[in-house]
Amino acid sequence: MRNDILKNFALRAKKKLLGNVKEKVSVRFKTISTDDDAFKEKVEYLLSKDEEIFNPIHFLMDEKLMKNLDEPSKERYLFSTIDKYNRIKNEILEEKSC
């Protein structure tokens, strides 16, 4: 079910980029804190795993929160989680390389 949501978001984003969709955008959304220690611990856990994690974003997203959001808010939550994951992952990798 979660993969269907992600595929739907990707298809809608592609249609928007191509100009095939004209829809009103609501500006109601919740931002993700950038000072989230629990989120950073999850990212560190994912990076410490020996086996490859195929969908780290699924592991990082809050299932309860997703159920309570409307479609545009779910999309923003997904993309903000991806951005936050990439930023924190890069910070951790830079710290390890120093």
N, C-alpha and C. Protein backbone atom coordinates (compact mmCIF):
# COMPACT_ATOMS: atom_id res chain seq x y z
N MET A 1 0.83 -1.18 0.00
CA MET A 1 0.00 0.00 0.00
C MET A 1 0.88 1.26 0.00
N ARG A 2 1.93 1.26 0.79
CA ARG A 2 2.79 2.44 0.88
C ARG A 2 3.48 2.71 -0.45
N ASN A 3 3.89 1.65 -1.15
CA ASN A 3 4.52 1.84 -2.46
C ASN A 3 3.55 2.47 -3.45
N ASP A 4 2.25 2.12 -3.34
CA ASP A 4 1.24 2.72 -4.21
C ASP A 4 1.14 4.22 -3.95
N ILE A 5 1.25 4.64 -2.70
CA ILE A 5 1.19 6.06 -2.36
C ILE A 5 2.39 6.77 -2.97
N LEU A 6 3.58 6.18 -2.84
CA LEU A 6 4.78 6.80 -3.39
C LEU A 6 4.72 6.87 -4.91
N LYS A 7 4.22 5.82 -5.56
CA LYS A 7 4.08 5.84 -7.01
C LYS A 7 3.10 6.91 -7.45
N ASN A 8 2.01 7.05 -6.70
CA ASN A 8 1.00 8.06 -7.00
C ASN A 8 1.60 9.46 -6.90
N PHE A 9 2.38 9.71 -5.84
CA PHE A 9 3.03 11.00 -5.68
C PHE A 9 3.97 11.28 -6.85
N ALA A 10 4.73 10.27 -7.23
CA ALA A 10 5.69 10.45 -8.32
C ALA A 10 4.98 10.75 -9.64
N LEU A 11 3.88 10.05 -9.90
CA LEU A 11 3.13 10.31 -11.13
C LEU A 11 2.53 11.71 -11.14
N ARG A 12 1.97 12.12 -9.99
CA ARG A 12 1.38 13.47 -9.89
C ARG A 12 2.46 14.53 -10.06
N ALA A 13 3.62 14.31 -9.46
CA ALA A 13 4.72 15.28 -9.59
C ALA A 13 5.17 15.38 -11.05
N LYS A 14 5.26 14.25 -11.73
CA LYS A 14 5.67 14.24 -13.13
C LYS A 14 4.66 15.00 -13.98
N LYS A 15 3.37 14.77 -13.74
CA LYS A 15 2.33 15.47 -14.49
C LYS A 15 2.38 16.97 -14.24
N LYS A 16 2.66 17.35 -13.00
CA LYS A 16 2.76 18.78 -12.67
C LYS A 16 3.93 19.41 -13.41
N LEU A 17 5.08 18.70 -13.44
CA LEU A 17 6.25 19.22 -14.13
C LEU A 17 6.01 19.38 -15.62
N LEU A 18 5.25 18.46 -16.19
CA LEU A 18 4.95 18.52 -17.62
C LEU A 18 3.83 19.49 -17.93
N GLY A 19 3.17 20.01 -16.90
CA GLY A 19 2.09 20.97 -17.10
C GLY A 19 0.77 20.33 -17.46
N ASN A 20 0.62 19.04 -17.18
CA ASN A 20 -0.62 18.33 -17.52
C ASN A 20 -1.68 18.41 -16.44
N VAL A 21 -1.34 18.94 -15.28
CA VAL A 21 -2.29 18.99 -14.18
C VAL A 21 -2.43 20.43 -13.71
N LYS A 22 -3.66 20.85 -13.59
CA LYS A 22 -3.92 22.18 -13.03
C LYS A 22 -4.85 21.98 -11.85
N GLU A 23 -4.29 22.13 -10.67
CA GLU A 23 -5.08 21.95 -9.47
C GLU A 23 -4.74 23.04 -8.48
N LYS A 24 -5.70 23.34 -7.65
CA LYS A 24 -5.47 24.33 -6.61
C LYS A 24 -4.62 23.71 -5.52
N VAL A 25 -3.72 24.50 -4.98
CA VAL A 25 -2.83 24.01 -3.94
C VAL A 25 -3.23 24.64 -2.62
N SER A 26 -3.47 23.80 -1.63
CA SER A 26 -3.74 24.33 -0.29
C SER A 26 -2.41 24.54 0.41
N VAL A 27 -2.34 25.52 1.26
CA VAL A 27 -1.07 25.88 1.89
C VAL A 27 -1.04 25.40 3.32
N ARG A 28 -1.74 24.36 3.64
CA ARG A 28 -1.77 23.80 4.97
C ARG A 28 -0.80 22.65 5.06
N PHE A 29 0.25 22.79 5.86
CA PHE A 29 1.20 21.69 6.00
C PHE A 29 1.95 21.81 7.32
N LYS A 30 2.52 20.72 7.71
CA LYS A 30 3.31 20.66 8.92
C LYS A 30 4.76 20.42 8.52
N THR A 31 5.66 21.21 9.04
CA THR A 31 7.06 21.03 8.70
C THR A 31 7.72 20.03 9.65
N ILE A 32 8.80 19.46 9.20
CA ILE A 32 9.56 18.53 10.01
C ILE A 32 10.64 19.32 10.72
N SER A 33 10.82 19.08 11.97
CA SER A 33 11.85 19.76 12.74
C SER A 33 13.22 19.38 12.21
N THR A 34 14.11 20.38 12.15
CA THR A 34 15.47 20.09 11.71
C THR A 34 16.35 19.67 12.87
N ASP A 35 15.86 19.76 14.11
CA ASP A 35 16.63 19.42 15.30
C ASP A 35 16.16 18.09 15.90
N ASP A 36 15.81 17.15 15.08
CA ASP A 36 15.20 15.92 15.53
C ASP A 36 16.26 14.86 15.79
N ASP A 37 16.60 14.67 17.06
CA ASP A 37 17.62 13.68 17.43
C ASP A 37 17.17 12.26 17.12
N ALA A 38 15.89 11.98 17.31
CA ALA A 38 15.39 10.63 17.03
C ALA A 38 15.51 10.31 15.54
N PHE A 39 15.24 11.29 14.70
CA PHE A 39 15.38 11.10 13.25
C PHE A 39 16.84 10.82 12.90
N LYS A 40 17.75 11.59 13.50
CA LYS A 40 19.18 11.39 13.24
C LYS A 40 19.62 10.00 13.70
N GLU A 41 19.11 9.55 14.84
CA GLU A 41 19.45 8.21 15.32
C GLU A 41 18.98 7.13 14.35
N LYS A 42 17.80 7.33 13.77
CA LYS A 42 17.29 6.37 12.78
C LYS A 42 18.18 6.34 11.55
N VAL A 43 18.61 7.52 11.09
CA VAL A 43 19.49 7.58 9.93
C VAL A 43 20.82 6.90 10.24
N GLU A 44 21.37 7.15 11.42
CA GLU A 44 22.61 6.49 11.83
C GLU A 44 22.44 4.98 11.86
N TYR A 45 21.30 4.52 12.36
CA TYR A 45 21.01 3.09 12.39
C TYR A 45 20.99 2.52 10.97
N LEU A 46 20.31 3.22 10.05
CA LEU A 46 20.24 2.75 8.67
C LEU A 46 21.62 2.67 8.03
N LEU A 47 22.45 3.67 8.32
CA LEU A 47 23.80 3.68 7.73
C LEU A 47 24.72 2.63 8.35
N SER A 48 24.42 2.21 9.57
CA SER A 48 25.26 1.22 10.23
C SER A 48 24.91 -0.22 9.83
N LYS A 49 23.78 -0.41 9.17
CA LYS A 49 23.37 -1.75 8.76
C LYS A 49 24.32 -2.29 7.71
N ASP A 50 24.63 -3.58 7.80
CA ASP A 50 25.52 -4.22 6.83
C ASP A 50 24.81 -4.48 5.51
N GLU A 51 23.53 -4.83 5.58
CA GLU A 51 22.82 -5.10 4.34
C GLU A 51 22.24 -3.80 3.78
N GLU A 52 21.94 -3.81 2.50
CA GLU A 52 21.43 -2.63 1.82
C GLU A 52 19.95 -2.42 2.17
N ILE A 53 19.60 -1.21 2.52
CA ILE A 53 18.21 -0.86 2.81
C ILE A 53 17.61 -0.29 1.53
N PHE A 54 16.55 -0.94 1.03
CA PHE A 54 15.99 -0.54 -0.26
C PHE A 54 15.04 0.64 -0.16
N ASN A 55 14.40 0.85 0.99
CA ASN A 55 13.48 1.96 1.12
C ASN A 55 13.66 2.63 2.48
N PRO A 56 14.71 3.42 2.66
CA PRO A 56 14.95 4.04 3.96
C PRO A 56 13.88 5.06 4.32
N ILE A 57 13.27 5.68 3.33
CA ILE A 57 12.25 6.70 3.60
C ILE A 57 11.03 6.07 4.27
N HIS A 58 10.67 4.89 3.85
CA HIS A 58 9.55 4.17 4.47
C HIS A 58 9.82 3.96 5.96
N PHE A 59 11.04 3.62 6.30
CA PHE A 59 11.44 3.41 7.69
C PHE A 59 11.37 4.71 8.49
N LEU A 60 11.66 5.84 7.86
CA LEU A 60 11.76 7.12 8.56
C LEU A 60 10.43 7.86 8.70
N MET A 61 9.46 7.56 7.86
CA MET A 61 8.19 8.29 7.89
C MET A 61 7.29 7.78 9.00
N ASP A 62 6.50 8.69 9.56
CA ASP A 62 5.58 8.39 10.64
C ASP A 62 4.24 7.94 10.03
N GLU A 63 3.92 6.67 10.22
CA GLU A 63 2.71 6.07 9.63
C GLU A 63 1.43 6.75 10.15
N LYS A 64 1.37 7.03 11.44
CA LYS A 64 0.18 7.67 12.01
C LYS A 64 -0.03 9.07 11.44
N LEU A 65 1.05 9.81 11.30
CA LEU A 65 0.95 11.15 10.73
C LEU A 65 0.48 11.09 9.29
N MET A 66 1.00 10.15 8.51
CA MET A 66 0.61 10.02 7.11
C MET A 66 -0.89 9.76 6.95
N LYS A 67 -1.46 8.98 7.85
CA LYS A 67 -2.89 8.66 7.75
C LYS A 67 -3.77 9.87 7.98
N ASN A 68 -3.26 10.87 8.72
CA ASN A 68 -4.07 12.04 9.06
C ASN A 68 -3.88 13.23 8.12
N LEU A 69 -3.03 13.09 7.11
CA LEU A 69 -2.75 14.20 6.20
C LEU A 69 -3.56 14.07 4.92
N ASP A 70 -3.90 15.21 4.32
CA ASP A 70 -4.53 15.18 3.00
C ASP A 70 -3.44 14.92 1.95
N GLU A 71 -3.83 14.69 0.71
CA GLU A 71 -2.88 14.29 -0.33
C GLU A 71 -1.74 15.30 -0.55
N PRO A 72 -2.03 16.59 -0.69
CA PRO A 72 -0.90 17.53 -0.88
C PRO A 72 0.04 17.56 0.33
N SER A 73 -0.51 17.43 1.53
CA SER A 73 0.33 17.42 2.73
C SER A 73 1.17 16.16 2.80
N LYS A 74 0.61 15.04 2.37
CA LYS A 74 1.39 13.80 2.33
C LYS A 74 2.56 13.94 1.37
N GLU A 75 2.33 14.59 0.24
CA GLU A 75 3.39 14.80 -0.74
C GLU A 75 4.49 15.68 -0.16
N ARG A 76 4.11 16.77 0.49
CA ARG A 76 5.10 17.65 1.10
C ARG A 76 5.87 16.93 2.20
N TYR A 77 5.16 16.12 3.00
CA TYR A 77 5.81 15.36 4.07
C TYR A 77 6.83 14.38 3.49
N LEU A 78 6.46 13.71 2.42
CA LEU A 78 7.37 12.77 1.76
C LEU A 78 8.63 13.48 1.29
N PHE A 79 8.47 14.58 0.57
CA PHE A 79 9.63 15.28 0.02
C PHE A 79 10.47 15.92 1.12
N SER A 80 9.85 16.41 2.17
CA SER A 80 10.64 17.01 3.26
C SER A 80 11.40 15.92 4.02
N THR A 81 10.82 14.72 4.14
CA THR A 81 11.52 13.61 4.77
C THR A 81 12.72 13.19 3.93
N ILE A 82 12.55 13.16 2.61
CA ILE A 82 13.66 12.81 1.71
C ILE A 82 14.78 13.84 1.85
N ASP A 83 14.42 15.12 1.83
CA ASP A 83 15.43 16.17 1.97
C ASP A 83 16.16 16.08 3.30
N LYS A 84 15.41 15.86 4.36
CA LYS A 84 16.00 15.77 5.69
C LYS A 84 16.92 14.55 5.79
N TYR A 85 16.50 13.43 5.24
CA TYR A 85 17.32 12.22 5.24
C TYR A 85 18.64 12.47 4.51
N ASN A 86 18.56 13.05 3.32
CA ASN A 86 19.78 13.30 2.54
C ASN A 86 20.72 14.26 3.25
N ARG A 87 20.17 15.30 3.86
CA ARG A 87 21.00 16.28 4.57
C ARG A 87 21.71 15.63 5.76
N ILE A 88 20.97 14.89 6.57
CA ILE A 88 21.55 14.26 7.76
C ILE A 88 22.53 13.16 7.35
N LYS A 89 22.21 12.40 6.33
CA LYS A 89 23.11 11.34 5.85
C LYS A 89 24.44 11.94 5.41
N ASN A 90 24.37 13.04 4.66
CA ASN A 90 25.60 13.70 4.20
C ASN A 90 26.41 14.25 5.37
N GLU A 91 25.74 14.80 6.38
CA GLU A 91 26.44 15.29 7.58
C GLU A 91 27.17 14.16 8.29
N ILE A 92 26.48 13.02 8.43
CA ILE A 92 27.08 11.87 9.13
C ILE A 92 28.29 11.35 8.34
N LEU A 93 28.14 11.24 7.03
CA LEU A 93 29.24 10.74 6.19
C LEU A 93 30.44 11.70 6.21
N GLU A 94 30.17 13.00 6.25
CA GLU A 94 31.26 13.98 6.35
C GLU A 94 31.99 13.87 7.68
N GLU A 95 31.22 13.67 8.77
CA GLU A 95 31.84 13.51 10.10
C GLU A 95 32.74 12.28 10.13
N LYS A 96 32.29 11.20 9.50
CA LYS A 96 33.08 9.97 9.49
C LYS A 96 34.34 10.10 8.66
N SER A 97 34.30 10.91 7.61
CA SER A 97 35.46 11.03 6.73
C SER A 97 36.54 11.95 7.31
N CYS A 98 36.18 12.76 8.29
CA CYS A 98 37.17 13.68 8.89
C CYS A 98 38.08 13.00 9.87
